[in-house]
Amino acid sequence: MTGTRQLTSAPLRQLAMPLLLAGVAMLSACTTPTGSVSGPFNIVPPPDGAPAYTAQQKAAQEELVRMVALQDRLSNVSAPLLINNADLCKSYARNLLGFTAQNKYSYPSIYADAAQAALGYGEQMQVSNVLPGSGAARVGLRKGDALLAAEGRPLPSGPRAEAPFGAIVGPLAAKSANISMKIDRQGNQQDLNIPVTRACAFRVAIGNADNINAYSDGSRIMLTRGMLQAAQNDEGIAFVIAREMAHNILDHARSQRTGGSAGSVIDSLGAVQPDTGMLTGAAGIKAMPQDLDVQADTLAIYLLARAGYNINNAASFWQRFSSQTPATVTNGYTALHPGVTARVAAINRAVADVKAKQAGKKPLKP
């Protein structure tokens, strides 16, 4: 199925930012299948004469690096699904800038210092990730590039820069095919003409919890840490993301009136220190009816095929997954999607349909 400044409740929404502002989303990128960290994550030592990092500061830096690495991996897996299925996303398709932007103030409390030490963030908004396959990636925008101006307008920096930053670049992306941006890369300024990217505007985020589940609320998708581990590899993660995308496209959260409950879980688990107590039982989320799950599985196979993923393994993945994470686990994925037999049958039918359309060179649409 499917941000606050206080340390105990502030979501790491920035790790998955799409800023859905005025019809524009800025999406992020991902790491390797092993979940190893990519990017400028070497922790910078304290300045000369400054006190050594405390145990709490070191722990915050390590936690932040770990969360960023997981989010990067998740976003890389989702990138082809979001870009290659814009026409199937209907009203959820948007013009996207194809990157995320943050500064150290994007993180709450102690994590602002951690972002500076571990991620290299400062006052200026800078690129935190670039969506693979996007226009931003094609023209060479890189993680770490400082963002100085868009279409000649200076971009904000310092505390609370994100909202005015989005207010400038959002409308530009919504109405333009390309955006001229001035960046600073390691002290060298340059101009890039960045094409906008049409894609499904679903925010795909990591949930900071070990239960094995995924949630969607109509506009967002969240996979928990536990789900990434249970999925085992990027292909498995793609299978889960595609199903949650399908639930959103088919408006199942609205029709089942589960968007509020799922949204509350997504908000909570996006925090560095989430309230996992709300995961007792099903967290107020109803199990998905079998007919709706079948619809989602069918559409998901098309989403996967169009994104270049191997659909031949989808049925066996869900069979294995349901046996390893049975419906008796009340805060687990299978409990919310119990109709496994019908789902697997639908997957097999959809795989056959897709292969027939591919062989006949017909459009891959359900």
Protein backbone atom coordinates (compact mmCIF):
# COMPACT_ATOMS: atom_id res chain seq x y z
CA MET A 1 0.00 0.00 0.00
CA THR A 2 0.22 2.27 0.08
CA GLY A 3 9.31 18.55 7.94
CA THR A 4 9.71 20.78 12.32
CA ARG A 5 12.91 21.44 13.92
CA GLN A 6 12.68 19.23 16.97
CA LEU A 7 15.05 16.32 17.11
CA THR A 8 12.46 13.80 18.20
CA SER A 9 9.91 14.47 15.50
CA ALA A 10 11.49 16.18 12.51
CA PRO A 11 11.00 14.17 9.34
CA LEU A 12 13.87 13.62 6.97
CA ARG A 13 11.52 14.71 4.19
CA GLN A 14 14.45 16.35 2.44
CA LEU A 15 16.07 13.00 1.76
CA ALA A 16 13.28 12.17 -0.64
CA MET A 17 12.24 15.73 -1.49
CA PRO A 18 10.29 16.07 -4.36
CA LEU A 19 9.06 19.66 -3.51
CA LEU A 20 5.63 19.46 -5.11
CA LEU A 21 5.28 23.16 -5.73
CA ALA A 22 3.18 24.76 -8.45
CA GLY A 23 3.22 21.65 -10.57
CA VAL A 24 6.92 20.87 -10.18
CA ALA A 25 8.71 18.11 -8.32
CA MET A 26 12.43 17.88 -7.70
CA LEU A 27 13.40 14.24 -7.46
CA SER A 28 16.45 12.49 -6.12
CA ALA A 29 18.86 9.71 -7.12
CA CYS A 30 20.34 6.47 -5.62
CA THR A 31 23.30 4.24 -4.74
CA THR A 32 24.47 0.74 -5.50
CA PRO A 33 22.51 -2.47 -4.84
CA THR A 34 24.56 -3.11 -1.72
CA GLY A 35 23.41 0.17 -0.23
CA SER A 36 26.95 1.55 -0.03
CA VAL A 37 27.26 5.29 0.43
CA SER A 38 27.89 7.47 -2.60
CA GLY A 39 28.77 11.13 -2.62
CA PRO A 40 30.83 13.52 -0.48
CA PHE A 41 30.18 11.73 2.80
CA ASN A 42 33.64 11.81 4.38
CA ILE A 43 33.08 13.38 7.77
CA VAL A 44 34.96 16.65 8.01
CA PRO A 45 37.01 17.00 11.21
CA PRO A 46 36.31 19.96 13.49
CA PRO A 47 38.14 23.18 12.62
CA ASP A 48 41.49 23.81 14.27
CA GLY A 49 40.97 24.78 17.88
CA ALA A 50 37.38 23.53 17.94
CA PRO A 51 36.40 20.81 20.41
CA ALA A 52 36.28 17.23 19.18
CA TYR A 53 32.93 15.83 18.16
CA THR A 54 30.88 14.48 21.04
CA ALA A 55 29.52 10.97 21.01
CA GLN A 56 26.09 12.43 20.24
CA GLN A 57 27.44 14.41 17.28
CA LYS A 58 29.23 11.37 15.89
CA ALA A 59 26.08 9.27 16.26
CA ALA A 60 24.03 11.93 14.45
CA GLN A 61 26.52 12.03 11.59
CA GLU A 62 26.56 8.26 11.23
CA GLU A 63 22.76 8.06 11.33
CA LEU A 64 22.40 10.79 8.74
CA VAL A 65 24.88 9.14 6.37
CA ARG A 66 23.07 5.83 6.72
CA MET A 67 19.65 7.35 6.01
CA VAL A 68 20.98 9.29 3.00
CA ALA A 69 22.53 6.12 1.56
CA LEU A 70 19.26 4.19 1.88
CA GLN A 71 17.27 7.06 0.36
CA ASP A 72 19.73 7.34 -2.50
CA ARG A 73 19.37 3.66 -3.29
CA LEU A 74 15.59 3.84 -3.13
CA SER A 75 15.46 6.85 -5.40
CA ASN A 76 17.76 5.31 -8.01
CA VAL A 77 15.54 2.25 -8.22
CA SER A 78 12.43 4.41 -8.57
CA ALA A 79 13.88 6.73 -11.24
CA PRO A 80 13.09 4.64 -14.36
CA LEU A 81 9.64 3.80 -12.98
CA LEU A 82 8.81 7.47 -12.50
CA ILE A 83 10.24 8.73 -15.80
CA ASN A 84 9.11 5.96 -18.15
CA ASN A 85 5.51 5.85 -16.94
CA ALA A 86 4.49 9.51 -17.03
CA ASP A 87 1.72 8.84 -19.53
CA LEU A 88 0.21 6.13 -17.32
CA CYS A 89 0.32 8.36 -14.24
CA LYS A 90 -2.46 10.53 -15.64
CA SER A 91 -3.04 13.56 -13.40
CA TYR A 92 0.02 12.67 -11.31
CA ALA A 93 2.48 13.48 -14.13
CA ARG A 94 4.41 16.73 -13.70
CA ASN A 95 7.35 18.66 -15.11
CA LEU A 96 10.25 17.90 -12.80
CA LEU A 97 13.58 19.62 -12.38
CA GLY A 98 15.20 16.23 -11.87
CA PHE A 99 17.23 17.01 -8.74
CA THR A 100 16.90 17.67 -5.04
CA ALA A 101 18.30 20.73 -3.29
CA GLN A 102 19.23 21.24 0.36
CA ASN A 103 21.48 23.15 2.69
CA LYS A 104 22.51 22.37 6.24
CA TYR A 105 19.35 24.00 7.60
CA SER A 106 17.25 21.39 5.79
CA TYR A 107 17.96 19.20 8.81
CA PRO A 108 16.72 19.70 12.35
CA SER A 109 18.72 20.59 15.46
CA ILE A 110 21.91 18.55 15.85
CA TYR A 111 21.48 17.13 12.36
CA ALA A 112 22.24 20.53 10.80
CA ASP A 113 25.78 20.27 12.14
CA ALA A 114 25.88 16.63 11.05
CA ALA A 115 24.84 17.62 7.52
CA GLN A 116 27.71 20.10 7.37
CA ALA A 117 30.28 17.65 8.74
CA ALA A 118 29.14 14.50 6.93
CA LEU A 119 27.51 15.80 3.75
CA GLY A 120 29.43 19.00 3.14
CA TYR A 121 26.36 21.25 3.27
CA GLY A 122 26.62 24.93 4.14
CA GLU A 123 24.53 28.08 3.79
CA GLN A 124 23.90 27.87 0.04
CA MET A 125 21.30 25.55 -1.41
CA GLN A 126 23.11 22.81 -3.27
CA VAL A 127 22.31 19.69 -5.24
CA SER A 128 21.82 16.72 -2.96
CA ASN A 129 20.95 14.25 -5.71
CA VAL A 130 20.29 14.07 -9.45
CA LEU A 131 17.60 11.78 -10.88
CA PRO A 132 19.19 9.28 -13.27
CA GLY A 133 17.80 9.71 -16.76
CA SER A 134 16.55 13.25 -16.12
CA GLY A 135 17.41 16.34 -18.09
CA ALA A 136 19.53 17.52 -15.16
CA ALA A 137 21.60 14.33 -15.38
CA ARG A 138 22.00 14.65 -19.14
CA VAL A 139 23.49 18.14 -18.95
CA GLY A 140 25.91 17.15 -16.19
CA LEU A 141 24.45 18.63 -13.01
CA ARG A 142 26.24 16.97 -10.08
CA LYS A 143 25.66 16.27 -6.42
CA GLY A 144 27.35 19.07 -4.45
CA ASP A 145 26.83 21.81 -7.04
CA ALA A 146 25.85 25.05 -5.30
CA LEU A 147 22.76 26.67 -6.82
CA LEU A 148 23.27 30.42 -7.27
CA ALA A 149 20.62 31.68 -9.71
CA ALA A 150 17.76 30.53 -11.94
CA GLU A 151 16.91 32.48 -15.08
CA GLY A 152 19.00 35.34 -13.70
CA ARG A 153 17.22 35.45 -10.34
CA PRO A 154 19.48 34.95 -7.30
CA LEU A 155 18.52 31.90 -5.28
CA PRO A 156 18.15 32.13 -1.48
CA SER A 157 20.53 30.72 1.10
CA GLY A 158 20.65 30.36 4.88
CA PRO A 159 17.90 29.26 7.27
CA ARG A 160 14.42 28.75 5.79
CA ALA A 161 15.75 28.94 2.23
CA GLU A 162 13.78 25.96 0.91
CA ALA A 163 10.35 27.59 0.59
CA PRO A 164 11.52 30.69 -1.32
CA PHE A 165 13.84 28.48 -3.41
CA GLY A 166 10.86 26.36 -4.44
CA ALA A 167 8.75 29.46 -5.07
CA ILE A 168 11.31 30.61 -7.63
CA VAL A 169 12.17 27.39 -9.45
CA GLY A 170 8.76 25.71 -9.23
CA PRO A 171 6.85 28.04 -11.56
CA LEU A 172 9.81 28.13 -13.94
CA ALA A 173 9.76 24.35 -14.36
CA ALA A 174 5.98 24.30 -14.70
CA LYS A 175 5.95 26.66 -17.68
CA SER A 176 9.34 26.15 -19.38
CA ALA A 177 11.02 23.37 -21.31
CA ASN A 178 14.44 24.42 -20.02
CA ILE A 179 15.75 26.43 -17.08
CA SER A 180 19.03 28.33 -17.10
CA MET A 181 20.81 27.91 -13.77
CA LYS A 182 24.06 29.36 -12.51
CA ILE A 183 25.97 26.94 -10.32
CA ASP A 184 29.22 26.91 -8.40
CA ARG A 185 31.26 23.72 -8.62
CA GLN A 186 34.25 23.71 -6.30
CA GLY A 187 34.79 27.44 -6.73
CA ASN A 188 34.15 27.57 -10.48
CA GLN A 189 30.92 29.18 -11.64
CA GLN A 190 29.15 28.00 -14.78
CA ASP A 191 25.76 28.16 -16.45
CA LEU A 192 23.71 25.08 -17.26
CA ASN A 193 20.58 24.96 -19.40
CA ILE A 194 18.59 22.21 -17.65
CA PRO A 195 15.72 20.53 -19.53
CA VAL A 196 12.71 19.74 -17.37
CA THR A 197 11.69 16.09 -17.15
CA ARG A 198 8.14 14.78 -17.45
CA ALA A 199 7.60 12.07 -14.82
CA CYS A 200 5.23 10.68 -12.23
CA ALA A 201 5.34 13.12 -9.32
CA PHE A 202 5.26 10.58 -6.50
CA ARG A 203 7.60 11.20 -3.62
CA VAL A 204 9.37 7.89 -2.85
CA ALA A 205 10.87 7.92 0.64
CA ILE A 206 12.66 5.69 3.11
CA GLY A 207 10.87 4.85 6.36
CA ASN A 208 13.07 4.79 9.44
CA ALA A 209 11.69 1.56 10.90
CA ASP A 210 12.48 -2.15 10.77
CA ASN A 211 8.98 -3.51 10.18
CA ILE A 212 8.63 -5.00 6.70
CA ASN A 213 6.11 -2.79 4.98
CA ALA A 214 5.41 -0.17 2.35
CA TYR A 215 2.77 2.54 2.36
CA SER A 216 1.13 4.86 -0.17
CA ASP A 217 -1.30 7.68 0.55
CA GLY A 218 -2.24 8.80 -2.96
CA SER A 219 0.73 11.08 -3.60
CA ARG A 220 3.58 9.54 -1.60
CA ILE A 221 5.23 6.15 -1.31
CA MET A 222 7.31 4.91 1.60
CA LEU A 223 9.32 1.70 2.00
CA THR A 224 10.67 0.92 5.43
CA ARG A 225 14.26 -0.05 6.18
CA GLY A 226 12.95 -3.51 6.92
CA MET A 227 11.30 -3.73 3.51
CA LEU A 228 14.51 -2.83 1.70
CA GLN A 229 16.30 -5.59 3.57
CA ALA A 230 13.54 -8.14 2.93
CA ALA A 231 13.39 -7.27 -0.78
CA GLN A 232 17.07 -8.30 -0.95
CA ASN A 233 18.01 -6.53 -4.20
CA ASP A 234 17.10 -3.60 -6.41
CA GLU A 235 14.79 -5.72 -8.56
CA GLY A 236 12.76 -6.70 -5.52
CA ILE A 237 12.61 -3.08 -4.37
CA ALA A 238 11.36 -2.12 -7.83
CA PHE A 239 8.56 -4.72 -7.56
CA VAL A 240 7.39 -3.11 -4.30
CA ILE A 241 7.63 0.48 -5.58
CA ALA A 242 5.71 -0.41 -8.76
CA ARG A 243 2.80 -1.84 -6.73
CA GLU A 244 2.62 1.26 -4.55
CA MET A 245 2.74 3.46 -7.64
CA ALA A 246 -0.13 1.44 -9.09
CA HIS A 247 -2.20 1.88 -5.93
CA ASN A 248 -1.66 5.65 -6.18
CA ILE A 249 -2.43 5.82 -9.90
CA LEU A 250 -5.62 3.81 -9.35
CA ASP A 251 -6.66 6.08 -6.43
CA HIS A 252 -6.99 3.16 -4.03
CA ALA A 253 -6.13 5.21 -0.95
CA ARG A 254 -9.05 7.51 -1.73
CA SER A 255 -11.51 4.75 -2.57
CA GLN A 256 -10.57 2.80 0.57
CA ARG A 257 -10.33 5.93 2.72
CA THR A 258 -6.88 4.90 3.92
CA GLY A 259 -4.95 7.96 2.78
CA GLY A 260 -5.10 9.65 6.18
CA SER A 261 -3.89 6.63 8.12
CA ALA A 262 -1.15 5.83 5.61
CA GLY A 263 -0.16 9.49 5.49
CA SER A 264 0.24 9.59 9.28
CA VAL A 265 2.52 6.57 9.15
CA ILE A 266 4.57 8.12 6.34
CA ASP A 267 4.92 11.38 8.28
CA SER A 268 6.03 9.55 11.42
CA LEU A 269 8.46 7.11 9.85
CA GLY A 270 10.14 9.89 7.90
CA ALA A 271 11.57 11.19 11.17
CA VAL A 272 15.13 10.55 12.27
CA GLN A 273 13.65 9.30 15.53
CA PRO A 274 10.17 8.07 14.53
CA ASP A 275 7.26 7.12 16.72
CA THR A 276 7.27 3.40 16.00
CA GLY A 277 4.63 2.86 18.68
CA MET A 278 2.02 3.71 16.07
CA LEU A 279 2.97 0.50 14.23
CA THR A 280 1.14 -1.64 16.75
CA GLY A 281 -1.31 -3.74 14.78
CA ALA A 282 -2.05 -2.37 11.31
CA ALA A 283 -1.65 1.30 12.34
CA GLY A 284 -5.28 1.91 11.40
CA ILE A 285 -4.79 0.85 7.78
CA LYS A 286 -7.32 -1.61 6.37
CA ALA A 287 -6.23 -4.65 4.39
CA MET A 288 -6.52 -4.04 0.66
CA PRO A 289 -9.46 -5.88 -0.95
CA GLN A 290 -8.36 -8.65 -3.27
CA ASP A 291 -9.87 -7.11 -6.41
CA LEU A 292 -7.99 -3.85 -5.87
CA ASP A 293 -4.75 -5.69 -5.20
CA VAL A 294 -5.22 -7.62 -8.43
CA GLN A 295 -5.68 -4.33 -10.29
CA ALA A 296 -2.50 -2.95 -8.73
CA ASP A 297 -0.46 -6.07 -9.52
CA THR A 298 -1.62 -6.00 -13.13
CA LEU A 299 -0.72 -2.34 -13.63
CA ALA A 300 2.57 -2.80 -11.75
CA ILE A 301 3.78 -5.36 -14.31
CA TYR A 302 3.28 -2.81 -17.08
CA LEU A 303 5.06 -0.12 -15.07
CA LEU A 304 8.00 -2.47 -14.49
CA ALA A 305 8.25 -3.60 -18.11
CA ARG A 306 8.17 -0.03 -19.41
CA ALA A 307 10.94 0.86 -16.92
CA GLY A 308 13.15 -1.99 -18.14
CA TYR A 309 12.85 -4.28 -15.12
CA ASN A 310 12.70 -8.08 -15.48
CA ILE A 311 9.04 -8.96 -14.99
CA ASN A 312 9.74 -12.72 -15.23
CA ASN A 313 10.76 -12.79 -11.57
CA ALA A 314 7.79 -10.87 -10.16
CA ALA A 315 5.53 -13.82 -9.31
CA SER A 316 8.30 -15.83 -7.65
CA PHE A 317 9.36 -12.76 -5.69
CA TRP A 318 5.91 -12.25 -4.18
CA GLN A 319 5.51 -15.96 -3.45
CA ARG A 320 8.81 -16.02 -1.58
CA PHE A 321 8.06 -12.73 0.14
CA SER A 322 4.65 -13.86 1.41
CA SER A 323 6.08 -17.09 2.83
CA GLN A 324 8.88 -15.23 4.62
CA THR A 325 6.64 -12.40 5.87
CA PRO A 326 3.26 -14.06 6.47
CA ALA A 327 -0.05 -12.29 7.05
CA THR A 328 0.13 -13.21 10.75
CA VAL A 329 2.61 -10.34 11.20
CA THR A 330 0.05 -7.62 11.79
CA ASN A 331 2.25 -4.65 10.94
CA GLY A 332 3.75 -6.35 7.90
CA TYR A 333 3.10 -6.02 4.18
CA THR A 334 1.35 -9.34 3.59
CA ALA A 335 -1.19 -8.59 6.34
CA LEU A 336 -2.26 -5.54 4.34
CA HIS A 337 -2.19 -7.47 1.04
CA PRO A 338 -3.38 -10.97 1.99
CA GLY A 339 -4.77 -12.20 -1.34
CA VAL A 340 -1.45 -13.67 -2.45
CA THR A 341 -2.85 -16.51 -4.60
CA ALA A 342 -5.05 -14.17 -6.63
CA ARG A 343 -2.25 -11.66 -6.85
CA VAL A 344 0.25 -14.18 -8.23
CA ALA A 345 -2.30 -15.37 -10.79
CA ALA A 346 -2.86 -11.78 -11.90
CA ILE A 347 0.89 -11.21 -12.17
CA ASN A 348 1.29 -14.28 -14.38
CA ARG A 349 -1.56 -13.13 -16.64
CA ALA A 350 -0.10 -9.65 -16.89
CA VAL A 351 3.37 -10.99 -17.71
CA ALA A 352 1.88 -13.07 -20.54
CA ASP A 353 -0.06 -10.07 -21.82
CA VAL A 354 3.03 -7.85 -21.79
CA LYS A 355 5.10 -10.44 -23.64
CA ALA A 356 2.39 -10.83 -26.27
CA LYS A 357 2.25 -7.07 -26.80
CA GLN A 358 6.04 -6.89 -26.99
CA ALA A 359 6.10 -9.68 -29.56
CA GLY A 360 3.40 -7.93 -31.58
CA LYS A 361 5.15 -4.58 -31.21
CA LYS A 362 2.04 -3.11 -29.62
CA PRO A 363 2.02 -0.29 -27.04
CA LEU A 364 2.64 -1.47 -23.48
CA LYS A 365 -0.58 -0.26 -21.93
CA PRO A 366 -3.02 -2.31 -19.83
